[in-house]
């Protein structure tokens, strides 16, 4: 009888050890040494119907390679951009961008725009971004590409009916909103290659010229440069 009891105790002991090892292994499998912030290890992003885990590189010895390791580029055109790109436009950092992606983009109230040319975009982009090159925002307001781009960010052309023509005929030339309806305009974050890149600042200034509300525009000045420096996830379209 005592032998049976002893065997049961031994069995229970090894079962407990086995289960404990599984729990510890599972915890280790999901644990991260490099979080985005103290309380945020990662963010899952719906990108082109795939779930992408936005997180930092877990290899603490990882270093950058390639073009983004350069400290100097010819200026012009690659000149250092100001911290405040335009009056009323907010400059944001990486944590604000991650928060914007996890909330505004997810809820479809905001759009993060990769304002670089298509060639740069194809090399890798921030998860959740849509590519609208800065050149499109500089187009004439009647250009179909600009009209489509503005529509994608919640802006419509105002009616061109005779009544509207008569109404707007007296408007000042300084009335930037004469041809666009911004009532459903999305909150935006625009970015490009970094603090030495002028593509997103040019896109922002073009949007402002079209009348886009400055308080709905955010400028991620660090762009791809600081995104990579922090080891954050990049996806190739």
Protein backbone atom coordinates (compact mmCIF):
# COMPACT_ATOMS: atom_id res chain seq x y z
CA UNK A 1 0.00 0.00 0.00
CA UNK A 2 2.78 2.38 0.97
CA UNK A 3 4.55 1.52 -2.28
CA UNK A 4 1.49 2.48 -4.30
CA UNK A 5 1.19 5.79 -2.46
CA UNK A 6 4.89 6.46 -3.04
CA UNK A 7 4.58 5.74 -6.77
CA UNK A 8 1.60 8.11 -7.02
CA UNK A 9 3.61 10.85 -5.31
CA UNK A 10 6.52 10.33 -7.68
CA UNK A 11 4.15 10.37 -10.66
CA UNK A 12 2.50 13.58 -9.45
CA UNK A 13 5.89 15.16 -8.87
CA UNK A 14 7.12 14.50 -12.39
CA UNK A 15 3.77 15.58 -13.84
CA UNK A 16 4.07 18.86 -11.95
CA UNK A 17 7.63 19.36 -13.19
CA UNK A 18 6.55 18.59 -16.75
CA UNK A 19 3.62 21.03 -16.67
CA UNK A 20 5.78 23.72 -15.06
CA UNK A 21 8.39 23.35 -17.79
CA UNK A 22 5.70 23.76 -20.48
CA UNK A 23 4.38 26.92 -18.81
CA UNK A 24 7.87 28.38 -18.50
CA UNK A 25 8.67 27.50 -22.11
CA UNK A 26 5.43 29.11 -23.31
CA UNK A 27 6.15 32.26 -21.33
CA UNK A 28 9.64 32.39 -22.77
CA UNK A 29 8.32 31.89 -26.29
CA UNK A 30 6.16 35.03 -26.13
CA UNK A 31 8.38 37.13 -23.89
CA UNK A 32 10.18 40.03 -25.54
CA UNK A 33 13.40 41.62 -24.43
CA UNK A 34 12.93 44.73 -26.59
CA UNK A 35 9.51 46.35 -26.25
CA UNK A 36 8.15 49.38 -28.06
CA UNK A 37 7.52 50.99 -24.70
CA UNK A 38 7.49 49.75 -21.11
CA UNK A 39 3.90 48.53 -21.35
CA UNK A 40 3.66 47.88 -25.09
CA UNK A 41 5.55 44.89 -26.56
CA UNK A 42 3.99 45.03 -30.04
CA UNK A 43 0.98 46.08 -32.11
CA UNK A 44 -0.82 43.85 -34.62
CA UNK A 45 -1.61 45.75 -37.81
CA UNK A 46 -4.04 44.76 -40.57
CA UNK A 47 -1.99 45.44 -43.69
CA UNK A 48 -3.36 44.43 -47.10
CA UNK A 49 -5.58 41.76 -45.48
CA UNK A 50 -2.66 40.28 -43.54
CA UNK A 51 -1.90 40.71 -39.86
CA UNK A 52 1.58 42.20 -39.44
CA UNK A 53 3.17 42.31 -35.99
CA UNK A 54 4.69 45.75 -35.54
CA UNK A 55 7.49 45.37 -33.02
CA UNK A 56 11.17 46.10 -32.50
CA UNK A 57 14.01 43.84 -33.58
CA UNK A 58 14.66 41.43 -30.70
CA UNK A 59 18.38 41.09 -31.50
CA UNK A 60 20.05 43.61 -29.18
CA UNK A 61 23.25 43.33 -31.25
CA UNK A 62 21.57 44.21 -34.53
CA UNK A 63 23.04 47.16 -36.43
CA UNK A 64 21.91 48.99 -39.56
CA UNK A 65 23.41 48.33 -42.96
CA UNK A 66 23.08 50.08 -46.27
CA UNK A 67 22.08 53.63 -47.15
CA UNK A 68 20.44 54.52 -43.86
CA UNK A 69 23.80 54.27 -42.06
CA UNK A 70 25.06 57.36 -43.89
CA UNK A 71 25.58 60.53 -41.88
CA UNK A 72 25.99 62.94 -44.80
CA UNK A 73 24.17 63.55 -48.05
CA UNK A 74 24.48 66.37 -50.54
CA UNK A 75 22.43 69.42 -49.56
CA UNK A 76 20.62 70.40 -51.65
CA UNK A 77 18.54 68.37 -52.11
CA UNK A 78 18.98 66.32 -48.91
CA UNK A 79 18.90 69.16 -46.39
CA UNK A 80 17.96 68.94 -42.71
CA UNK A 81 14.25 69.65 -42.28
CA UNK A 82 12.93 71.98 -39.58
CA UNK A 83 11.16 70.55 -36.54
CA UNK A 84 8.05 72.60 -37.36
CA UNK A 85 7.33 72.10 -41.04
CA UNK A 86 4.34 74.48 -41.21
CA UNK A 87 2.17 76.50 -38.87
CA UNK A 88 -0.52 74.38 -37.20
CA UNK A 89 1.03 71.06 -38.28
CA UNK A 90 2.08 68.85 -35.39
CA UNK A 91 5.43 67.06 -35.46
CA UNK A 92 5.25 63.55 -33.97
CA UNK A 93 7.65 60.79 -32.94
CA UNK A 94 7.67 57.03 -33.20
CA UNK A 95 5.39 56.32 -30.21
CA UNK A 96 2.78 58.73 -31.53
CA UNK A 97 2.97 57.04 -34.95
CA UNK A 98 2.51 53.58 -33.38
CA UNK A 99 -0.44 54.90 -31.39
CA UNK A 100 -1.92 56.48 -34.53
CA UNK A 101 -1.62 53.18 -36.40
CA UNK A 102 -3.15 51.14 -33.58
CA UNK A 103 -6.07 53.53 -33.06
CA UNK A 104 -6.81 55.99 -35.89
CA UNK A 105 -5.78 53.75 -38.77
CA UNK A 106 -7.50 50.73 -37.22
CA UNK A 107 -10.71 52.71 -36.68
CA UNK A 108 -10.43 54.19 -40.21
CA UNK A 109 -10.46 57.75 -38.85
CA UNK A 110 -6.87 58.37 -39.91
CA UNK A 111 -4.42 57.52 -42.67
CA UNK A 112 -0.64 57.22 -42.51
CA UNK A 113 0.91 58.31 -45.80
CA UNK A 114 4.23 57.20 -47.19
CA UNK A 115 4.88 60.35 -49.23
CA UNK A 116 7.95 58.96 -50.97
CA UNK A 117 8.14 58.05 -54.64
CA UNK A 118 7.04 54.54 -55.60
CA UNK A 119 10.59 53.23 -55.91
CA UNK A 120 11.35 54.02 -52.27
CA UNK A 121 8.01 52.62 -51.14
CA UNK A 122 8.69 49.27 -52.82
CA UNK A 123 11.95 48.86 -50.87
CA UNK A 124 10.01 48.81 -47.60
CA UNK A 125 7.40 50.82 -45.74
CA UNK A 126 5.84 51.29 -42.31
CA UNK A 127 3.00 48.78 -41.74
CA UNK A 128 -0.39 50.37 -42.36
CA UNK A 129 0.96 53.07 -44.69
CA UNK A 130 -0.52 53.95 -48.04
CA UNK A 131 1.78 55.31 -50.72
CA UNK A 132 0.76 58.69 -52.12
CA UNK A 133 3.90 60.27 -53.61
CA UNK A 134 4.44 63.94 -52.77
CA UNK A 135 4.34 64.80 -56.47
CA UNK A 136 0.64 63.96 -56.65
CA UNK A 137 -0.33 66.54 -54.02
CA UNK A 138 1.46 69.20 -56.08
CA UNK A 139 -0.75 68.55 -59.12
CA UNK A 140 -3.44 70.88 -60.40
CA UNK A 141 -6.77 70.49 -58.60
CA UNK A 142 -8.40 69.18 -61.78
CA UNK A 143 -5.87 66.40 -62.30
CA UNK A 144 -7.55 62.97 -61.94
CA UNK A 145 -4.63 61.61 -59.88
CA UNK A 146 -4.97 64.40 -57.33
CA UNK A 147 -8.76 64.07 -57.25
CA UNK A 148 -8.42 60.32 -56.56
CA UNK A 149 -5.76 60.90 -53.90
CA UNK A 150 -7.87 63.53 -52.14
CA UNK A 151 -10.89 61.23 -52.26
CA UNK A 152 -8.87 58.48 -50.57
CA UNK A 153 -8.21 60.80 -47.61
CA UNK A 154 -11.82 61.91 -47.27
CA UNK A 155 -11.82 65.06 -49.42
CA UNK A 156 -14.31 65.67 -52.23
CA UNK A 157 -14.47 68.24 -54.98
CA UNK A 158 -17.25 70.73 -54.45
CA UNK A 159 -20.11 70.73 -56.90
CA UNK A 160 -19.48 72.64 -60.12
CA UNK A 161 -23.18 73.34 -60.77
CA UNK A 162 -24.24 76.75 -61.96
CA UNK A 163 -25.55 77.62 -58.50
CA UNK A 164 -22.22 76.80 -56.94
CA UNK A 165 -20.44 78.78 -59.65
CA UNK A 166 -22.52 81.84 -58.93
CA UNK A 167 -21.99 81.43 -55.20
CA UNK A 168 -18.21 81.01 -55.40
CA UNK A 169 -17.75 83.63 -58.10
CA UNK A 170 -17.46 86.36 -55.49
CA UNK A 171 -15.04 84.39 -53.28
CA UNK A 172 -11.58 85.75 -52.73
CA UNK A 173 -8.65 84.22 -54.56
CA UNK A 174 -7.23 83.50 -51.10
CA UNK A 175 -10.13 81.19 -50.26
CA UNK A 176 -8.27 77.86 -50.35
CA UNK A 177 -11.42 75.83 -49.67
CA UNK A 178 -13.29 77.09 -52.72
CA UNK A 179 -12.95 73.84 -54.64
CA UNK A 180 -12.69 71.16 -51.94
CA UNK A 181 -15.01 69.82 -49.26
CA UNK A 182 -12.97 68.98 -46.15
CA UNK A 183 -15.90 68.13 -43.89
CA UNK A 184 -14.91 64.43 -43.86
CA UNK A 185 -11.16 64.89 -44.14
CA UNK A 186 -9.13 62.23 -42.33
CA UNK A 187 -6.44 62.83 -39.75
CA UNK A 188 -3.10 62.26 -41.44
CA UNK A 189 0.47 61.31 -40.60
CA UNK A 190 2.91 61.96 -43.43
CA UNK A 191 6.47 60.68 -43.51
CA UNK A 192 9.39 60.01 -45.85
CA UNK A 193 13.02 58.95 -45.43
CA UNK A 194 13.95 61.02 -42.41
CA UNK A 195 14.98 64.39 -41.08
CA UNK A 196 17.07 64.94 -44.23
CA UNK A 197 14.20 64.16 -46.61
CA UNK A 198 12.02 66.87 -48.13
CA UNK A 199 9.35 64.68 -49.73
CA UNK A 200 6.78 64.63 -46.90
CA UNK A 201 7.31 68.35 -46.08
CA UNK A 202 6.58 69.15 -49.73
CA UNK A 203 3.46 66.96 -49.62
CA UNK A 204 2.28 68.72 -46.46
CA UNK A 205 2.82 72.19 -47.94
CA UNK A 206 0.93 71.18 -51.08
CA UNK A 207 -1.98 69.90 -48.99
CA UNK A 208 -2.08 73.17 -47.07
CA UNK A 209 -2.15 75.12 -50.34
CA UNK A 210 -5.20 73.10 -51.36
CA UNK A 211 -6.79 74.12 -48.06
CA UNK A 212 -6.37 70.92 -46.02
CA UNK A 213 -6.86 71.76 -42.31
CA UNK A 214 -3.45 72.05 -40.65
CA UNK A 215 -4.77 70.61 -37.38
CA UNK A 216 -5.52 67.34 -39.18
CA UNK A 217 -1.94 66.92 -40.43
CA UNK A 218 0.90 65.32 -38.48
CA UNK A 219 4.53 65.25 -39.64
CA UNK A 220 6.65 62.24 -38.69
CA UNK A 221 10.01 63.94 -39.15
CA UNK A 222 12.17 60.92 -38.24
CA UNK A 223 10.61 58.85 -41.02
CA UNK A 224 12.28 55.65 -42.18
CA UNK A 225 15.64 56.72 -40.75
CA UNK A 226 14.61 56.66 -37.08
CA UNK A 227 12.10 53.85 -37.67
CA UNK A 228 15.00 51.61 -38.71
CA UNK A 229 17.32 52.93 -36.00
CA UNK A 230 14.77 51.73 -33.40
CA UNK A 231 14.47 48.35 -35.11
CA UNK A 232 10.76 48.73 -35.84
CA UNK A 233 8.98 46.46 -38.33
CA UNK A 234 9.21 47.28 -42.04
CA UNK A 235 7.13 45.53 -44.71
CA UNK A 236 7.65 45.24 -48.45
CA UNK A 237 4.46 45.85 -50.44
